[in-house]
């Protein structure tokens, strides 16, 4: 009898706990209540209900974070913002005439490359969602950062760049795309920086540019193996893994399939619900204070898990709402593969050899390689940095390659000639149709005309105010 009583009590307790789980309506009503309490008269939002609360993670980093995440979730569920016109005015008030958006509160320095990248991307996301345009063109800010500073930014900033450009209605420039991809170096598990955050941003990046994510299967296998028993991916101290569960769920949602992924996401959703508080918000982990940043990432997890349903039809440009919780699942279109160029990094540039029966490839592994159309490697030439451009001289078997450290190499079966002068990556090279002359252009905005046989600089052309991405000689060589 005693055993039966215990079993009955345990069963009653379990059913009571299940009954206590919030419904979709409970969660959405709670969120609306949270935003009603945190909306400010100027159109911005507090990071928490307590006016003195300064936020954690993104909200502590920049006071634009809470605003953007509030806009994102209001658009996700089709809600009217408390002060929508004032929110637009607030965002526009934070843009400088030079193009960048700035934070007034928060730990990031607004005039740093990191601050400009973060604040400008977040503001562009919010303005795009609100069908508003920035007062000034922010493109020069990103062009400047993508010359050199982007290499020193945290690994989680990679997908900021295509997101920002798409919010401005244009794709990330080809050469900028190549430069950022060169930073996304994966290990054998598909991970970047041995951390789910950098790995998620790589997956997000490739989905934004509409391409297949490299080593996606390896990524998924490791993510599944790393999930904690409680359903989260909190594997390190909370300050490092605050967004880890969202990051993992996005990557499983878009790169994986099958029962294991489905079960892992369902388990993650239960963990996200356990982060919910009585004020209707969510903390970064169970028991943590409600935070506008944590709300976005936990609610985004619940949307991807199917627990919360977004407005139908989805809002315009749903894939540009913050970090992809409404990103459609899609596969990239592929051309027919003739052979696989076995580089140790992404292939950034290609050109047919002068016999039209071979292909020259340049890669971020720093090599230029020639292949026949059966995939046999005919030669390899090692440069000093990632290769950004190649060209072939049709009059003779000679190639030119531009590298990201400013080097231009002219090579052939019997010689190498290194040409130095550019400051920054060389993005374009072109041969004169008749004479032994080569043009090169790059991120420094200049064009060099070389007599490459002896390495002499013939002329330097200056005048561009941004990168030189492509070059061509007139057909008559003039």
Protein backbone atom coordinates (compact mmCIF):
# COMPACT_ATOMS: atom_id res chain seq x y z
CA UNK A 1 0.00 0.00 0.00
CA UNK A 2 2.85 2.34 0.89
CA UNK A 3 4.52 1.71 -2.50
CA UNK A 4 1.22 2.30 -4.33
CA UNK A 5 0.73 5.59 -2.48
CA UNK A 6 4.22 6.78 -3.43
CA UNK A 7 3.67 5.88 -7.09
CA UNK A 8 0.35 7.71 -7.10
CA UNK A 9 1.90 10.77 -5.51
CA UNK A 10 4.76 10.83 -8.03
CA UNK A 11 2.25 10.49 -10.87
CA UNK A 12 0.13 13.29 -9.44
CA UNK A 13 3.22 15.53 -9.02
CA UNK A 14 4.35 14.86 -12.61
CA UNK A 15 0.91 15.67 -14.03
CA UNK A 16 0.76 18.84 -11.91
CA UNK A 17 4.13 19.97 -13.24
CA UNK A 18 3.01 19.32 -16.79
CA UNK A 19 -0.14 21.30 -16.18
CA UNK A 20 1.96 24.18 -14.82
CA UNK A 21 3.90 24.54 -18.08
CA UNK A 22 2.92 27.83 -19.78
CA UNK A 23 0.83 27.71 -22.92
CA UNK A 24 1.72 29.62 -26.07
CA UNK A 25 -0.83 32.26 -25.06
CA UNK A 26 0.72 32.53 -21.59
CA UNK A 27 4.15 33.13 -23.09
CA UNK A 28 2.99 35.69 -25.64
CA UNK A 29 0.80 37.55 -23.15
CA UNK A 30 3.73 37.64 -20.75
CA UNK A 31 6.00 39.07 -23.42
CA UNK A 32 3.57 41.82 -24.28
CA UNK A 33 3.29 42.67 -20.61
CA UNK A 34 7.07 42.81 -20.30
CA UNK A 35 7.34 45.21 -23.24
CA UNK A 36 4.55 47.39 -21.89
CA UNK A 37 6.60 47.80 -18.70
CA UNK A 38 9.94 48.40 -20.42
CA UNK A 39 8.89 50.75 -23.26
CA UNK A 40 10.24 54.27 -22.79
CA UNK A 41 8.40 57.42 -23.95
CA UNK A 42 11.22 58.25 -26.41
CA UNK A 43 10.63 54.99 -28.34
CA UNK A 44 13.55 53.07 -26.82
CA UNK A 45 13.33 50.13 -24.40
CA UNK A 46 14.81 49.31 -21.03
CA UNK A 47 16.71 46.00 -20.86
CA UNK A 48 14.65 44.94 -17.84
CA UNK A 49 11.61 45.89 -15.78
CA UNK A 50 13.76 47.56 -13.12
CA UNK A 51 14.81 50.98 -14.53
CA UNK A 52 18.18 50.57 -12.78
CA UNK A 53 18.94 47.25 -14.44
CA UNK A 54 21.79 47.73 -16.95
CA UNK A 55 21.48 44.43 -18.77
CA UNK A 56 23.72 41.50 -19.54
CA UNK A 57 25.55 40.53 -22.71
CA UNK A 58 24.21 42.53 -25.70
CA UNK A 59 22.15 44.93 -23.59
CA UNK A 60 25.12 45.70 -21.36
CA UNK A 61 27.27 46.11 -24.48
CA UNK A 62 25.08 48.66 -26.28
CA UNK A 63 21.82 50.42 -25.47
CA UNK A 64 20.69 49.84 -29.08
CA UNK A 65 20.36 46.09 -28.46
CA UNK A 66 17.16 46.21 -26.40
CA UNK A 67 15.50 48.44 -29.01
CA UNK A 68 16.36 46.22 -31.96
CA UNK A 69 15.30 43.02 -30.20
CA UNK A 70 12.00 44.63 -29.19
CA UNK A 71 11.36 45.68 -32.81
CA UNK A 72 12.31 42.21 -34.06
CA UNK A 73 9.89 40.37 -31.79
CA UNK A 74 7.04 42.81 -32.32
CA UNK A 75 7.37 42.25 -36.07
CA UNK A 76 7.69 38.49 -35.55
CA UNK A 77 4.28 38.27 -33.90
CA UNK A 78 2.57 41.14 -35.73
CA UNK A 79 2.31 43.45 -32.73
CA UNK A 80 2.21 47.23 -32.85
CA UNK A 81 5.12 48.87 -31.05
CA UNK A 82 4.05 51.11 -28.13
CA UNK A 83 5.60 54.21 -29.76
CA UNK A 84 6.59 53.14 -33.27
CA UNK A 85 7.20 56.58 -34.81
CA UNK A 86 9.27 57.59 -31.82
CA UNK A 87 11.25 54.35 -32.07
CA UNK A 88 12.16 55.23 -35.65
CA UNK A 89 13.09 58.77 -34.60
CA UNK A 90 15.17 57.39 -31.71
CA UNK A 91 17.16 55.12 -34.03
CA UNK A 92 17.73 57.88 -36.57
CA UNK A 93 18.94 60.21 -33.82
CA UNK A 94 21.79 57.77 -33.15
CA UNK A 95 23.30 58.04 -36.63
CA UNK A 96 26.23 60.34 -37.31
CA UNK A 97 26.61 62.17 -40.64
CA UNK A 98 29.62 59.91 -41.30
CA UNK A 99 27.17 56.96 -41.48
CA UNK A 100 27.75 54.97 -38.30
CA UNK A 101 25.21 54.50 -35.51
CA UNK A 102 26.39 54.98 -31.94
CA UNK A 103 25.52 53.78 -28.47
CA UNK A 104 25.24 56.26 -25.60
CA UNK A 105 25.20 53.66 -22.83
CA UNK A 106 27.03 50.34 -22.83
CA UNK A 107 30.54 48.97 -22.60
CA UNK A 108 31.49 49.03 -26.29
CA UNK A 109 33.36 52.10 -27.49
CA UNK A 110 31.15 53.70 -30.15
CA UNK A 111 34.09 54.97 -32.21
CA UNK A 112 35.82 51.56 -32.36
CA UNK A 113 35.52 49.22 -35.35
CA UNK A 114 33.73 46.77 -33.08
CA UNK A 115 31.27 49.40 -31.89
CA UNK A 116 30.60 50.72 -35.40
CA UNK A 117 30.01 47.20 -36.73
CA UNK A 118 27.68 46.18 -33.89
CA UNK A 119 25.67 49.38 -33.53
CA UNK A 120 25.25 50.05 -37.25
CA UNK A 121 24.14 46.50 -38.00
CA UNK A 122 21.63 46.46 -35.14
CA UNK A 123 20.18 49.83 -36.13
CA UNK A 124 19.91 48.82 -39.80
CA UNK A 125 18.07 45.63 -38.82
CA UNK A 126 15.55 47.61 -36.76
CA UNK A 127 15.05 50.31 -39.41
CA UNK A 128 14.57 47.72 -42.15
CA UNK A 129 11.95 45.97 -40.02
CA UNK A 130 10.20 49.32 -39.52
CA UNK A 131 10.31 50.11 -43.28
CA UNK A 132 12.50 53.13 -42.56
CA UNK A 133 15.79 54.22 -44.11
CA UNK A 134 18.89 55.67 -42.43
CA UNK A 135 19.50 59.38 -42.87
CA UNK A 136 23.03 58.85 -44.16
CA UNK A 137 24.62 56.11 -46.24
CA UNK A 138 26.41 53.71 -43.85
CA UNK A 139 28.22 51.87 -46.66
CA UNK A 140 31.51 53.81 -46.26
CA UNK A 141 31.71 52.70 -42.63
CA UNK A 142 31.68 49.03 -43.62
CA UNK A 143 33.99 49.61 -46.58
CA UNK A 144 36.53 51.17 -44.22
CA UNK A 145 36.26 48.40 -41.62
CA UNK A 146 36.52 45.73 -44.33
CA UNK A 147 39.86 47.10 -45.51
CA UNK A 148 41.78 45.80 -42.50
CA UNK A 149 40.04 46.23 -39.12
CA UNK A 150 37.62 43.33 -39.71
CA UNK A 151 40.49 40.89 -39.23
CA UNK A 152 40.80 41.92 -35.58
CA UNK A 153 37.08 41.78 -34.70
CA UNK A 154 35.66 38.97 -32.54
CA UNK A 155 34.84 35.74 -34.37
CA UNK A 156 31.11 36.25 -33.78
CA UNK A 157 30.99 39.35 -36.02
CA UNK A 158 31.36 37.52 -39.36
CA UNK A 159 27.67 37.40 -40.27
CA UNK A 160 27.14 41.03 -39.24
CA UNK A 161 28.54 42.13 -42.60
CA UNK A 162 26.22 40.34 -45.05
CA UNK A 163 23.29 41.10 -42.71
CA UNK A 164 24.08 44.82 -42.72
CA UNK A 165 24.53 44.97 -46.50
CA UNK A 166 21.28 43.06 -47.10
CA UNK A 167 19.46 45.49 -44.81
CA UNK A 168 20.77 48.22 -47.12
CA UNK A 169 19.30 46.33 -50.08
CA UNK A 170 22.53 45.02 -51.56
CA UNK A 171 24.71 41.91 -51.23
CA UNK A 172 28.05 42.03 -49.47
CA UNK A 173 30.71 42.98 -52.06
CA UNK A 174 32.48 39.99 -53.57
CA UNK A 175 35.95 40.84 -52.33
CA UNK A 176 34.68 41.67 -48.84
CA UNK A 177 32.87 38.34 -48.85
CA UNK A 178 36.12 36.59 -49.75
CA UNK A 179 38.01 38.39 -46.99
CA UNK A 180 35.51 37.47 -44.29
CA UNK A 181 35.35 33.86 -45.46
CA UNK A 182 39.12 33.65 -45.07
CA UNK A 183 38.60 34.20 -41.33
CA UNK A 184 36.07 31.37 -40.98
CA UNK A 185 38.55 28.52 -40.55
CA UNK A 186 36.91 25.28 -39.44
CA UNK A 187 38.44 22.41 -37.53
CA UNK A 188 37.74 18.75 -38.32
CA UNK A 189 34.41 18.95 -36.44
CA UNK A 190 33.25 21.89 -38.56
CA UNK A 191 33.55 24.22 -35.57
CA UNK A 192 35.18 27.65 -35.62
CA UNK A 193 37.23 28.80 -32.62
CA UNK A 194 36.15 25.62 -30.82
CA UNK A 195 32.92 27.41 -29.88
CA UNK A 196 29.29 27.25 -30.95
CA UNK A 197 28.92 31.05 -31.25
CA UNK A 198 31.52 31.48 -34.00
CA UNK A 199 30.21 28.28 -35.61
CA UNK A 200 26.62 29.59 -35.61
CA UNK A 201 27.71 32.86 -37.21
CA UNK A 202 29.40 30.89 -40.00
CA UNK A 203 26.16 28.95 -40.61
CA UNK A 204 24.18 32.21 -40.49
CA UNK A 205 26.68 33.82 -42.88
CA UNK A 206 26.36 31.11 -45.53
CA UNK A 207 22.57 31.17 -45.31
CA UNK A 208 22.53 34.95 -45.76
CA UNK A 209 24.63 34.67 -48.92
CA UNK A 210 22.58 31.67 -50.12
CA UNK A 211 25.31 29.04 -50.12
CA UNK A 212 25.87 25.63 -48.60
CA UNK A 213 27.71 25.68 -45.27
CA UNK A 214 31.01 23.77 -45.40
CA UNK A 215 31.31 20.74 -43.09
CA UNK A 216 27.67 21.07 -42.07
CA UNK A 217 27.32 17.35 -41.25
CA UNK A 218 30.36 17.50 -38.97
CA UNK A 219 28.93 20.58 -37.26
CA UNK A 220 25.64 18.83 -36.56
CA UNK A 221 27.32 15.72 -35.18
CA UNK A 222 29.33 17.75 -32.70
CA UNK A 223 26.40 19.93 -31.66
CA UNK A 224 24.31 16.84 -30.91
CA UNK A 225 27.16 15.34 -28.89
CA UNK A 226 27.68 18.58 -26.92
CA UNK A 227 24.10 19.09 -25.72
CA UNK A 228 23.82 19.09 -21.92
CA UNK A 229 21.42 16.81 -20.10
CA UNK A 230 19.22 19.81 -19.24
CA UNK A 231 18.77 20.56 -22.96
CA UNK A 232 21.08 23.59 -23.11
CA UNK A 233 24.54 24.08 -24.54
CA UNK A 234 25.88 25.82 -21.43
CA UNK A 235 29.28 24.13 -21.46
CA UNK A 236 31.44 27.04 -20.27
CA UNK A 237 30.92 29.88 -17.85
CA UNK A 238 27.59 31.68 -18.52
CA UNK A 239 29.28 34.84 -19.84
CA UNK A 240 30.73 32.76 -22.70
CA UNK A 241 27.69 30.61 -23.47
CA UNK A 242 24.73 32.96 -22.92
CA UNK A 243 23.56 32.54 -26.51
CA UNK A 244 24.87 29.00 -26.98
CA UNK A 245 21.49 27.26 -26.95
CA UNK A 246 20.03 29.53 -29.62
CA UNK A 247 23.22 29.19 -31.66
CA UNK A 248 23.04 25.41 -31.51
CA UNK A 249 19.32 25.26 -32.31
CA UNK A 250 19.69 27.54 -35.36
CA UNK A 251 22.50 25.39 -36.71
CA UNK A 252 20.61 22.12 -36.09
CA UNK A 253 17.47 23.64 -37.59
CA UNK A 254 19.23 24.67 -40.81
CA UNK A 255 22.09 22.22 -41.21
CA UNK A 256 20.58 19.04 -39.77
CA UNK A 257 17.56 16.82 -40.18
CA UNK A 258 16.07 13.67 -38.77
CA UNK A 259 14.83 12.46 -35.42
CA UNK A 260 17.97 13.24 -33.40
CA UNK A 261 17.93 16.89 -34.41
CA UNK A 262 14.19 17.14 -33.76
CA UNK A 263 14.55 15.66 -30.28
CA UNK A 264 17.52 17.89 -29.45
CA UNK A 265 15.58 21.01 -30.47
CA UNK A 266 12.53 19.92 -28.46
CA UNK A 267 14.75 19.42 -25.42
CA UNK A 268 16.29 22.85 -25.97
CA UNK A 269 12.82 24.41 -26.11
CA UNK A 270 11.97 23.01 -22.69
CA UNK A 271 15.17 24.49 -21.34
CA UNK A 272 14.30 27.87 -22.89
CA UNK A 273 10.90 27.79 -21.18
CA UNK A 274 12.65 27.08 -17.87
CA UNK A 275 14.37 30.49 -18.28
CA UNK A 276 10.98 32.26 -18.20
CA UNK A 277 10.20 34.56 -15.25
CA UNK A 278 7.02 35.81 -13.57
CA UNK A 279 7.41 39.24 -15.19
CA UNK A 280 6.85 37.63 -18.60
CA UNK A 281 10.49 37.94 -19.68
CA UNK A 282 13.29 35.42 -19.95
CA UNK A 283 16.72 35.25 -18.37
CA UNK A 284 19.91 33.97 -19.95
CA UNK A 285 19.60 30.83 -17.82
CA UNK A 286 17.08 29.55 -15.24
CA UNK A 287 16.84 31.94 -12.31
CA UNK A 288 18.57 34.85 -14.08
CA UNK A 289 16.85 38.23 -14.31
CA UNK A 290 14.70 38.92 -17.35
CA UNK A 291 16.74 40.66 -20.02
CA UNK A 292 15.74 42.01 -23.45
CA UNK A 293 18.71 40.21 -25.01
CA UNK A 294 17.88 36.87 -23.35
CA UNK A 295 14.24 37.27 -24.37
CA UNK A 296 15.14 37.44 -28.05
CA UNK A 297 17.37 34.36 -27.98
CA UNK A 298 15.01 32.21 -25.91
CA UNK A 299 11.93 33.28 -27.85
CA UNK A 300 13.84 32.73 -31.09
CA UNK A 301 14.61 29.20 -29.91
CA UNK A 302 10.92 28.59 -29.20
CA UNK A 303 9.95 29.91 -32.65
CA UNK A 304 12.41 27.58 -34.40
CA UNK A 305 11.18 24.71 -32.23
CA UNK A 306 7.57 25.38 -33.29
CA UNK A 307 6.42 26.15 -29.75
CA UNK A 308 5.60 29.76 -30.69
CA UNK A 309 4.02 30.57 -34.04
CA UNK A 310 4.99 33.79 -35.85
CA UNK A 311 2.50 35.91 -37.73
CA UNK A 312 1.19 34.37 -40.96
CA UNK A 313 2.13 35.50 -43.54
CA UNK A 314 5.60 36.34 -42.26
CA UNK A 315 6.69 39.99 -42.20
CA UNK A 316 8.64 41.36 -45.14
CA UNK A 317 12.34 40.39 -45.18
CA UNK A 318 11.74 37.96 -42.31
CA UNK A 319 15.21 36.45 -42.82
CA UNK A 320 16.75 39.81 -41.88
CA UNK A 321 15.09 39.99 -38.46
CA UNK A 322 18.10 39.81 -36.14
CA UNK A 323 19.87 36.44 -36.08
CA UNK A 324 17.70 34.28 -38.31
CA UNK A 325 14.95 32.82 -36.14
CA UNK A 326 12.65 33.25 -39.18
CA UNK A 327 15.30 32.30 -41.75
CA UNK A 328 13.65 29.95 -44.27
CA UNK A 329 15.15 26.50 -44.57
CA UNK A 330 16.64 26.20 -48.02
CA UNK A 331 19.42 24.51 -49.92
CA UNK A 332 21.85 26.30 -52.22
CA UNK A 333 21.71 25.65 -55.94
CA UNK A 334 24.80 23.98 -57.31
CA UNK A 335 26.31 23.79 -60.73
CA UNK A 336 27.50 20.52 -62.18
CA UNK A 337 30.80 19.55 -60.59
CA UNK A 338 33.38 18.57 -63.20
CA UNK A 339 36.15 17.93 -60.68
CA UNK A 340 37.04 18.85 -57.11
CA UNK A 341 39.94 21.27 -56.63
CA UNK A 342 41.62 19.93 -53.53
CA UNK A 343 42.66 23.17 -51.83
CA UNK A 344 43.00 23.47 -48.06
CA UNK A 345 40.76 26.55 -48.04
CA UNK A 346 37.96 28.18 -50.04
CA UNK A 347 38.61 28.74 -53.75
CA UNK A 348 38.38 32.51 -54.20
CA UNK A 349 39.17 33.01 -57.88
CA UNK A 350 39.48 31.04 -61.14
CA UNK A 351 40.63 31.56 -64.73
CA UNK A 352 41.02 29.35 -67.78
CA UNK A 353 44.61 28.66 -68.80
CA UNK A 354 45.65 29.87 -72.25
CA UNK A 355 45.10 26.41 -73.77
CA UNK A 356 41.41 26.47 -72.68
CA UNK A 357 41.91 22.90 -71.43
CA UNK A 358 43.14 23.73 -67.94
CA UNK A 359 41.84 25.79 -65.03
CA UNK A 360 43.87 28.03 -62.74
CA UNK A 361 42.52 28.40 -59.19
CA UNK A 362 43.50 30.70 -56.33
CA UNK A 363 42.61 29.89 -52.75
CA UNK A 364 42.63 31.24 -49.24
CA UNK A 365 45.15 28.51 -48.47
CA UNK A 366 47.66 30.84 -50.19
CA UNK A 367 48.25 28.74 -53.27
CA UNK A 368 47.65 29.05 -57.00
CA UNK A 369 47.12 25.69 -58.70
CA UNK A 370 46.63 24.57 -62.30
CA UNK A 371 44.36 21.60 -63.06
CA UNK A 372 43.35 19.76 -66.18
CA UNK A 373 39.63 19.12 -66.60
CA UNK A 374 40.01 15.59 -65.23
CA UNK A 375 41.06 17.08 -61.91
CA UNK A 376 44.77 16.28 -62.15
CA UNK A 377 46.95 18.96 -60.59
CA UNK A 378 49.56 20.23 -63.06
CA UNK A 379 51.40 22.64 -60.78
CA UNK A 380 51.11 24.57 -57.51
CA UNK A 381 52.61 27.93 -56.57
CA UNK A 382 52.69 29.09 -52.94
CA UNK A 383 52.15 32.78 -52.16
CA UNK A 384 52.63 34.64 -48.88
CA UNK A 385 48.93 35.16 -48.05
CA UNK A 386 45.40 34.36 -49.21
CA UNK A 387 44.91 34.70 -52.95
CA UNK A 388 42.30 37.27 -53.99
CA UNK A 389 42.67 37.39 -57.79
CA UNK A 390 44.24 35.49 -60.69
CA UNK A 391 44.61 36.20 -64.40
CA UNK A 392 46.21 34.35 -67.31
CA UNK A 393 48.11 35.92 -70.19
CA UNK A 394 46.59 34.44 -73.31
CA UNK A 395 49.68 35.12 -75.46
CA UNK A 396 51.88 32.86 -73.33
CA UNK A 397 51.54 30.47 -70.36
CA UNK A 398 52.00 33.10 -67.64
CA UNK A 399 49.74 33.82 -64.67
CA UNK A 400 49.39 36.72 -62.25
CA UNK A 401 48.03 36.40 -58.72
CA UNK A 402 47.16 39.07 -56.15
CA UNK A 403 47.47 38.29 -52.43
CA UNK A 404 45.87 39.75 -49.34
CA UNK A 405 49.20 41.07 -48.02
CA UNK A 406 49.62 43.33 -51.09
CA UNK A 407 51.93 41.04 -53.08
CA UNK A 408 51.45 40.52 -56.83
CA UNK A 409 53.15 37.43 -58.24
CA UNK A 410 53.71 36.78 -61.92
CA UNK A 411 54.67 33.17 -62.56
CA UNK A 412 55.14 30.54 -65.21
CA UNK A 413 56.82 27.23 -65.76
CA UNK A 414 60.29 28.79 -65.55
CA UNK A 415 60.10 31.92 -63.37
CA UNK A 416 58.46 33.85 -60.53
CA UNK A 417 58.46 37.63 -60.30
CA UNK A 418 57.14 39.32 -57.13
CA UNK A 419 55.81 42.87 -57.48
CA UNK A 420 55.43 44.93 -54.32
CA UNK A 421 53.75 48.29 -53.80
CA UNK A 422 50.12 47.83 -52.75
CA UNK A 423 49.08 48.55 -49.19
CA UNK A 424 46.44 45.95 -48.37
CA UNK A 425 44.80 43.16 -50.33
CA UNK A 426 45.16 42.95 -54.11
CA UNK A 427 41.68 42.27 -55.49
CA UNK A 428 42.16 42.44 -59.27
CA UNK A 429 44.85 41.70 -61.87
CA UNK A 430 44.71 41.98 -65.66
CA UNK A 431 47.23 41.41 -68.48
CA UNK A 432 47.76 43.71 -71.45
CA UNK A 433 46.48 41.89 -74.56
CA UNK A 434 49.83 42.16 -76.37
CA UNK A 435 52.71 43.60 -74.34
CA UNK A 436 54.34 42.29 -71.17
CA UNK A 437 52.35 44.69 -69.00
CA UNK A 438 50.18 43.90 -66.00
CA UNK A 439 47.65 46.02 -64.08
CA UNK A 440 46.77 45.38 -60.44
CA UNK A 441 44.25 47.03 -58.12
CA UNK A 442 43.28 46.61 -54.50
CA UNK A 443 41.82 47.78 -51.23
CA UNK A 444 44.16 50.78 -51.12
CA UNK A 445 42.16 52.28 -54.04
CA UNK A 446 45.14 52.42 -56.39
CA UNK A 447 45.98 50.81 -59.74
CA UNK A 448 49.56 49.85 -60.54
CA UNK A 449 50.79 49.31 -64.11
CA UNK A 450 53.83 46.99 -64.15
CA UNK A 451 56.37 45.89 -66.71
CA UNK A 452 56.37 42.50 -65.08
CA UNK A 453 59.30 40.89 -66.94
CA UNK A 454 61.80 43.00 -64.97
CA UNK A 455 59.49 43.97 -62.07
CA UNK A 456 59.49 47.67 -62.94
CA UNK A 457 56.59 49.91 -61.97
CA UNK A 458 55.48 51.77 -65.10
CA UNK A 459 52.75 53.96 -63.58
CA UNK A 460 50.52 54.34 -60.53
CA UNK A 461 46.92 55.50 -61.00
CA UNK A 462 45.24 57.14 -58.01
CA UNK A 463 41.79 58.65 -57.67
CA UNK A 464 39.39 55.97 -56.43
CA UNK A 465 38.10 56.61 -52.94
CA UNK A 466 37.37 52.95 -52.24
CA UNK A 467 38.50 49.49 -53.32
CA UNK A 468 39.42 48.59 -56.87
CA UNK A 469 37.52 45.32 -57.37
CA UNK A 470 38.06 44.67 -61.10
CA UNK A 471 40.26 45.69 -63.99
CA UNK A 472 40.28 45.29 -67.78
CA UNK A 473 42.39 46.57 -70.64
CA UNK A 474 40.79 47.88 -73.80
CA UNK A 475 40.88 45.30 -76.58
CA UNK A 476 43.53 47.30 -78.47
CA UNK A 477 45.66 47.66 -75.34
CA UNK A 478 45.34 51.42 -75.01
